[in-house]
Protein backbone atom coordinates (compact mmCIF):
# COMPACT_ATOMS: atom_id res chain seq x y z
CA MET A 1 -1.28 22.86 -6.79
CA LYS A 2 1.74 23.24 -8.37
CA THR A 3 3.36 26.36 -8.07
CA GLU A 4 3.70 27.59 -12.47
CA ALA A 5 -0.59 26.48 -12.25
CA LYS A 6 -1.27 28.42 -9.33
CA ARG A 7 0.72 31.53 -10.54
CA LYS A 8 -1.04 31.47 -13.71
CA LEU A 9 -4.71 31.87 -11.53
CA ILE A 10 -2.94 34.64 -9.66
CA LEU A 11 -1.99 36.42 -12.64
CA THR A 12 -5.27 35.46 -14.75
CA PHE A 13 -7.57 36.78 -12.25
CA SER A 14 -5.73 39.98 -11.11
CA ALA A 15 -6.22 40.33 -14.60
CA LEU A 16 -9.54 39.79 -14.54
CA ILE A 17 -10.36 42.19 -11.23
CA VAL A 18 -8.53 45.26 -13.15
CA ILE A 19 -10.45 44.85 -16.54
CA LEU A 20 -13.65 44.81 -14.03
CA ILE A 21 -12.12 48.20 -12.82
CA THR A 22 -11.04 49.74 -15.98
CA GLY A 23 -14.81 48.80 -17.44
CA THR A 24 -16.42 49.62 -15.05
CA PHE A 25 -14.78 53.62 -14.36
CA GLY A 26 -14.19 53.09 -18.34
CA TYR A 27 -18.65 53.43 -18.69
CA TRP A 28 -18.31 55.84 -16.06
CA PHE A 29 -16.89 58.24 -17.63
CA LEU A 30 -17.37 57.73 -21.90
CA THR A 31 -21.25 57.74 -20.77
CA GLY A 32 -20.57 61.57 -18.98
CA ARG A 33 -20.74 60.22 -15.49
CA GLU A 34 -24.71 59.23 -15.79
CA ASN A 35 -24.78 56.63 -14.55
CA ASN A 36 -23.82 55.36 -11.18
CA LEU A 37 -20.86 52.90 -10.62
CA PHE A 38 -22.82 49.87 -9.58
CA LEU A 39 -24.85 49.81 -13.40
CA CYS A 40 -21.12 50.73 -14.67
CA PHE A 41 -20.06 47.69 -13.20
CA TYR A 42 -23.12 45.73 -14.10
CA MET A 43 -22.83 46.37 -17.74
CA THR A 44 -19.15 45.41 -17.77
CA VAL A 45 -19.72 42.28 -15.97
CA ILE A 46 -23.06 40.85 -18.00
CA THR A 47 -20.43 42.11 -21.38
CA ILE A 48 -17.77 39.83 -20.03
CA THR A 49 -19.97 37.13 -19.22
CA THR A 50 -21.67 37.39 -22.34
CA ILE A 51 -25.18 37.06 -21.12
CA GLY A 52 -26.73 39.24 -23.52
CA PHE A 53 -29.32 41.22 -21.23
CA GLY A 54 -28.40 44.27 -23.74
CA GLU A 55 -27.91 47.74 -23.33
CA VAL A 56 -28.16 48.04 -19.50
CA ILE A 57 -26.56 51.64 -19.75
CA ASP A 58 -28.47 53.58 -23.17
CA MET A 59 -25.41 53.76 -25.50
CA HIS A 60 -27.41 55.51 -28.36
CA ASN A 61 -25.49 58.74 -28.63
CA TYR A 62 -21.95 57.13 -26.82
CA TYR A 63 -20.21 55.92 -30.06
CA GLU A 64 -16.96 56.01 -27.71
CA ALA A 65 -18.48 53.68 -25.08
CA ARG A 66 -19.86 51.04 -27.57
CA LEU A 67 -16.35 50.74 -29.06
CA PHE A 68 -14.84 50.34 -25.61
CA THR A 69 -17.63 47.63 -25.56
CA VAL A 70 -15.62 46.20 -28.33
CA PHE A 71 -12.57 46.04 -26.78
CA LEU A 72 -14.05 45.00 -23.37
CA ALA A 73 -15.91 42.06 -24.85
CA PHE A 74 -12.59 40.77 -26.52
CA THR A 75 -10.06 41.28 -24.08
CA GLY A 76 -12.20 39.92 -20.56
CA ILE A 77 -14.49 37.02 -22.87
CA GLY A 78 -10.56 36.04 -23.33
CA LEU A 79 -9.45 36.33 -19.82
CA LEU A 80 -12.71 34.96 -18.18
CA THR A 81 -12.55 32.14 -20.72
CA TYR A 82 -8.81 31.21 -19.93
CA PHE A 83 -9.27 31.57 -16.39
CA VAL A 84 -12.85 29.09 -15.79
CA SER A 85 -10.87 26.72 -18.03
CA THR A 86 -7.53 26.26 -15.81
CA ILE A 87 -9.58 25.80 -12.82
CA SER A 88 -11.57 23.03 -15.17
CA VAL A 89 -8.12 21.18 -16.42
CA LEU A 90 -6.30 21.58 -12.58
CA ILE A 91 -9.45 20.39 -10.98
CA ILE A 92 -9.76 17.67 -13.64
CA GLU A 93 -6.17 16.60 -13.77
CA GLY A 94 -6.27 16.42 -9.62
CA GLU A 95 -8.88 13.87 -9.83
CA ILE A 96 -7.46 11.83 -12.24
CA ARG A 97 -4.38 12.35 -10.48
CA GLU A 98 -5.47 11.25 -7.41
CA SER A 99 -7.33 8.60 -8.44
CA TYR A 100 -4.66 7.31 -10.53
CA LYS A 101 -2.16 7.07 -7.68
CA ARG A 102 -5.34 5.46 -5.31
CA LYS A 103 -5.82 2.82 -7.86
CA LYS A 104 -1.80 2.27 -8.50
CA MET A 105 -1.39 2.48 -4.19
CA GLU A 106 -4.50 -0.30 -3.74
CA LYS A 107 -2.31 -2.61 -6.73
CA GLU A 108 0.91 -2.76 -4.24
CA ILE A 109 -1.31 -2.93 -1.19
CA SER A 110 -2.65 -5.94 -2.87
CA LYS A 111 0.81 -7.17 -3.61
CA PHE A 112 2.22 -7.02 -0.11
CA GLU A 113 3.06 -9.78 2.44
CA ASN A 114 4.11 -10.07 5.94
CA HIS A 115 3.80 -6.20 6.18
CA TYR A 116 1.68 -4.32 9.24
CA VAL A 117 -1.60 -2.51 8.97
CA ILE A 118 -2.02 0.24 10.90
CA CYS A 119 -6.11 1.62 11.99
CA GLY A 120 -6.64 4.84 12.89
CA VAL A 121 -3.82 7.34 12.81
CA SER A 122 -4.19 9.07 16.61
CA ARG A 123 -1.88 11.16 18.58
CA HIS A 124 -0.05 7.99 19.30
CA SER A 125 0.16 6.15 16.21
CA TYR A 126 3.05 9.01 14.74
CA HIS A 127 5.64 7.01 16.77
CA LEU A 128 4.47 3.52 15.68
CA ILE A 129 4.83 4.33 12.12
CA GLU A 130 7.99 5.91 12.24
CA GLU A 131 9.47 2.58 14.46
CA LEU A 132 8.26 0.91 11.64
CA ILE A 133 9.94 2.53 9.15
CA ASP A 134 13.06 2.72 11.15
CA THR A 135 12.90 -0.88 11.11
CA ASN A 136 12.59 -1.27 7.48
CA ARG A 137 9.04 -3.08 8.31
CA GLU A 138 6.57 -2.34 5.04
CA SER A 139 3.38 -1.42 6.77
CA VAL A 140 0.10 0.87 5.58
CA PHE A 141 -2.13 2.77 7.25
CA ILE A 142 -6.06 3.74 7.18
CA GLU A 143 -7.57 6.54 7.87
CA ILE A 144 -10.96 7.67 7.24
CA SER A 145 -9.82 12.09 7.64
CA ARG A 146 -8.84 13.34 4.69
CA ASN A 147 -6.56 16.41 7.17
CA VAL A 148 -5.20 13.78 9.14
CA ILE A 149 -3.97 11.43 5.68
CA ASN A 150 -2.48 14.94 4.68
CA ASN A 151 -0.84 15.84 7.63
CA THR A 152 0.69 11.86 8.61
CA LEU A 153 1.43 12.54 4.37
CA GLU A 154 3.74 15.18 5.14
CA LYS A 155 6.23 13.66 7.78
CA TYR A 156 6.01 10.69 6.45
CA PRO A 157 5.56 11.27 1.96
CA ASP A 158 6.28 7.89 1.79
CA MET A 159 4.33 5.78 3.66
CA ASN A 160 1.56 3.46 1.87
CA TYR A 161 -2.52 4.25 2.97
CA LEU A 162 -6.36 4.09 2.15
CA GLU A 163 -8.67 6.57 3.20
CA GLY A 164 -11.43 4.97 4.22
CA ASP A 165 -13.84 3.32 7.71
CA ALA A 166 -11.51 0.92 9.43
CA THR A 167 -14.46 -0.56 10.74
CA SER A 168 -15.19 -1.84 7.16
CA ASP A 169 -14.27 -5.56 5.79
CA GLU A 170 -14.13 -4.03 2.22
CA VAL A 171 -11.59 -1.89 3.34
CA LEU A 172 -9.39 -4.04 5.78
CA LEU A 173 -9.53 -6.57 2.57
CA LYS A 174 -8.17 -3.61 0.74
CA ALA A 175 -5.40 -2.92 2.99
CA GLY A 176 -4.20 -7.10 3.16
CA ILE A 177 -5.21 -8.28 5.98
CA MET A 178 -5.56 -11.25 5.10
CA ASN A 179 -1.42 -11.57 4.39
CA ALA A 180 -0.48 -8.80 6.76
CA GLY A 181 1.49 -9.68 10.07
CA GLY A 182 -0.11 -7.60 12.04
CA LEU A 183 -2.46 -5.30 12.70
CA PHE A 184 -2.40 -2.12 15.32
CA VAL A 185 -5.64 -0.67 16.15
CA SER A 186 -4.84 2.66 17.13
CA THR A 187 -7.79 4.86 16.72
CA SER A 188 -8.96 7.06 20.37
CA ASP A 189 -12.31 5.60 20.36
CA ASP A 190 -12.05 2.46 22.62
CA ASN A 191 -15.84 1.85 20.63
CA THR A 192 -13.93 1.96 17.13
CA ASN A 193 -11.02 -0.07 18.14
CA LEU A 194 -13.58 -2.13 19.64
CA VAL A 195 -15.38 -3.15 16.72
CA ILE A 196 -12.11 -3.23 14.45
CA CYS A 197 -10.77 -6.07 16.25
CA LEU A 198 -13.87 -7.87 16.11
CA SER A 199 -14.32 -7.29 12.24
CA ALA A 200 -10.46 -8.34 11.38
CA ARG A 201 -10.46 -11.47 14.36
CA GLN A 202 -13.27 -12.84 12.00
CA LEU A 203 -12.25 -11.71 8.33
CA ASN A 204 -8.35 -13.08 9.92
CA PRO A 205 -8.26 -15.75 13.03
CA GLY A 206 -4.47 -16.14 12.33
CA ILE A 207 -4.18 -12.55 12.12
CA LYS A 208 -1.51 -10.76 15.45
CA ILE A 209 -3.62 -7.77 16.42
CA VAL A 210 -2.20 -5.33 18.81
CA SER A 211 -5.06 -2.56 19.78
CA LEU A 212 -5.15 1.07 22.00
CA CYS A 213 -7.13 1.12 24.52
CA MET A 214 -7.86 4.36 25.86
CA ASN A 215 -9.93 3.35 29.27
CA HIS A 216 -8.06 0.38 31.09
CA ASN A 217 -11.20 -0.89 32.98
CA ASN A 218 -12.34 -1.86 28.53
CA SER A 219 -8.66 -4.45 28.57
CA ASP A 220 -10.12 -7.02 29.01
CA LYS A 221 -13.26 -6.81 26.25
CA MET A 222 -10.52 -5.73 23.63
CA LYS A 223 -8.99 -9.28 24.02
CA LEU A 224 -12.62 -10.73 24.06
CA ALA A 225 -13.14 -9.02 20.55
CA GLY A 226 -10.06 -10.24 19.13
CA ALA A 227 -6.81 -8.63 19.99
CA ASN A 228 -4.30 -10.82 21.04
CA ASN A 229 -2.08 -8.04 23.06
CA VAL A 230 -4.16 -4.37 24.40
CA ILE A 231 -1.88 -1.06 25.50
CA SER A 232 -3.38 1.10 27.64
CA PRO A 233 -0.95 4.35 27.83
CA ASN A 234 -2.21 5.69 31.34
CA TYR A 235 -0.99 2.10 32.24
CA ILE A 236 1.87 1.83 30.58
CA GLY A 237 2.54 5.93 31.86
CA GLY A 238 2.26 4.68 35.30
CA LEU A 239 4.52 2.18 34.59
CA ARG A 240 7.19 3.88 33.32
CA MET A 241 7.90 7.07 35.72
CA ALA A 242 7.49 4.35 38.82
CA SER A 243 10.73 3.11 36.43
CA GLU A 244 12.38 6.23 35.79
CA MET A 245 12.28 6.54 39.57
CA LEU A 246 13.59 3.16 40.49
CA ARG A 247 15.32 1.61 37.63
CA PRO A 248 16.23 4.80 35.98
CA SER A 249 20.00 3.26 34.13
CA VAL A 250 17.36 0.20 32.65
CA THR A 251 15.19 2.65 31.42
CA ASN A 252 17.53 4.88 29.93
CA PHE A 253 19.61 2.20 27.94
CA LEU A 254 15.76 1.65 26.11
CA ASP A 255 15.45 4.60 25.05
CA THR A 256 19.17 5.08 24.08
CA LEU A 257 18.29 1.67 21.50
CA GLN A 258 15.41 3.65 20.00
CA LYS A 259 17.21 6.88 19.93
CA TYR A 260 20.47 5.26 18.27
CA LYS A 261 20.40 6.46 15.08
CA ASN A 262 23.18 5.19 13.23
CA LYS A 263 22.66 1.76 13.83
CA LYS A 264 19.08 2.11 14.81
CA LEU A 265 19.64 -0.70 17.41
CA ARG A 266 16.54 -2.81 18.92
CA ILE A 267 15.72 -5.81 20.70
CA GLU A 268 14.27 -8.26 17.98
CA GLN A 269 12.69 -11.63 18.04
CA ILE A 270 13.33 -14.09 15.36
CA ASP A 271 11.04 -16.59 14.76
CA LEU A 272 12.52 -19.68 14.31
CA LYS A 273 10.75 -21.53 11.52
CA ASP A 274 10.83 -25.35 11.03
CA LYS A 275 13.65 -24.96 8.00
CA PHE A 276 15.91 -25.44 11.29
CA SER A 277 14.88 -27.41 14.22
CA ASP A 278 16.71 -30.90 15.04
CA LYS A 279 19.58 -27.89 14.13
CA LYS A 280 21.76 -26.09 16.77
CA LEU A 281 22.79 -23.01 17.90
CA ILE A 282 25.97 -22.81 16.41
CA ASP A 283 24.72 -23.98 12.97
CA LEU A 284 23.12 -20.34 12.33
CA ARG A 285 26.72 -19.07 12.36
CA LEU A 286 25.75 -15.55 14.75
CA GLU A 287 28.89 -14.70 14.74
CA ASP A 288 28.53 -13.81 10.57
CA PHE A 289 26.39 -11.18 11.75
CA LYS A 290 28.96 -8.17 13.85
CA ASN A 291 25.89 -6.14 15.12
CA THR A 292 23.43 -9.44 16.57
CA LEU A 293 24.02 -9.87 20.10
CA VAL A 294 22.34 -13.00 20.91
CA ILE A 295 20.19 -12.50 24.94
CA ALA A 296 17.54 -15.73 24.80
CA LEU A 297 16.15 -18.53 23.47
CA MET A 298 12.22 -19.25 24.57
CA LYS A 299 11.88 -22.71 24.38
CA ASP A 300 8.16 -24.25 25.71
CA ASP A 301 7.12 -20.83 27.51
CA GLU A 302 10.42 -21.12 28.84
CA TRP A 303 12.81 -18.33 28.45
CA ILE A 304 16.84 -19.60 28.59
CA PHE A 305 19.63 -16.43 29.32
CA LYS A 306 22.42 -16.32 26.90
CA PRO A 307 21.91 -20.27 25.39
CA GLU A 308 24.68 -22.39 24.53
CA ASP A 309 25.96 -22.67 21.20
CA ASP A 310 25.05 -26.31 21.54
CA ILE A 311 21.53 -26.35 22.15
CA ASP A 312 18.99 -27.75 20.21
CA ILE A 313 16.85 -26.01 17.80
CA GLU A 314 13.04 -27.23 18.23
CA ILE A 315 9.82 -26.31 16.20
CA ASP A 316 8.60 -22.47 17.93
CA ASP A 317 10.99 -21.41 19.56
CA VAL A 318 12.15 -17.62 19.67
CA LEU A 319 15.43 -16.25 19.47
CA ILE A 320 15.47 -12.89 21.55
CA VAL A 321 18.17 -10.66 19.63
CA MET A 322 20.08 -6.98 19.61
CA THR A 323 20.16 -6.01 15.73
CA THR A 324 20.35 -4.12 13.20
CA PRO A 325 16.79 -3.64 11.02
CA GLU A 326 18.99 -5.37 8.11
CA GLU A 327 20.60 -8.24 10.08
CA ARG A 328 17.17 -8.46 11.14
CA VAL A 329 15.85 -9.20 7.93
CA LYS A 330 18.99 -11.67 7.36
CA LEU A 331 18.22 -13.61 9.84
CA GLU A 332 14.32 -13.78 9.23
CA HIS A 333 15.87 -15.32 5.56
CA LEU A 334 18.28 -16.82 7.15
CA THR A 335 18.92 -20.50 5.31
CA ILE A 336 21.68 -23.50 6.43
């Protein structure tokens, strides 16, 4: 609710309270204090709400009280009408605004290509959303809880979202699953994640799915349901603890990459498409990318570290580089 609208509501409500108090004590005083305060309050309410039950307080001989009723009616009815109409306008405008915003967002999402869909916002999802934002990757999240959506938008106000059940085919289609580059299944319930994986795989057999799995024993079931990769927080946490003890410099280096906010350096993969086949690595002119370091080339499921410039590029080769989000985008759209 806007501050100005809230201010008007508070002022109007306060004025109504004043009218009710004034009416109650006014009738009580003008009728010679013969009626109890509740009856005077009741008379005030039926007057300003125009219910019209008649004079529940006999004012046949109290002309001042009848004159007071006229004043109370004009003032109270006007204030009450304004208060009710203001609330109605705010509700209607809010619903219209929300409906317009929802339809506009759904229209924008329908135009997305190679974006990422996040199904469910759990405590693990905020790090995922932040990484997608930091690396300039277009994404949309699906969440069934309005409170969770509001909390997420407070942290990431520019995020695209759909309110709905991610297990529904209709919702997944609205999120653009047919044109998406990947799907993250990240609810905190393994059964829900299993259904989402199954639904997504049936809708788009070619999409890459990465699923959260709270119970590591369910990992194989997730893969059978359609997940390409399954992440178990407990399993990953255990490996991280071991790495902190056995190879602390390595973990420190990787953490530095994640937290280096000036350049936002990341280790990224660049899928070398058909247009680069029969070319050599030197033809990509990687020396023009000042913030990019070539680490390895994956060829026929084998890793070639520090590949030579004259190495041939073939279809489905994957280049592993350390780079910035901006230069990653340029590399993905590189033409030679």
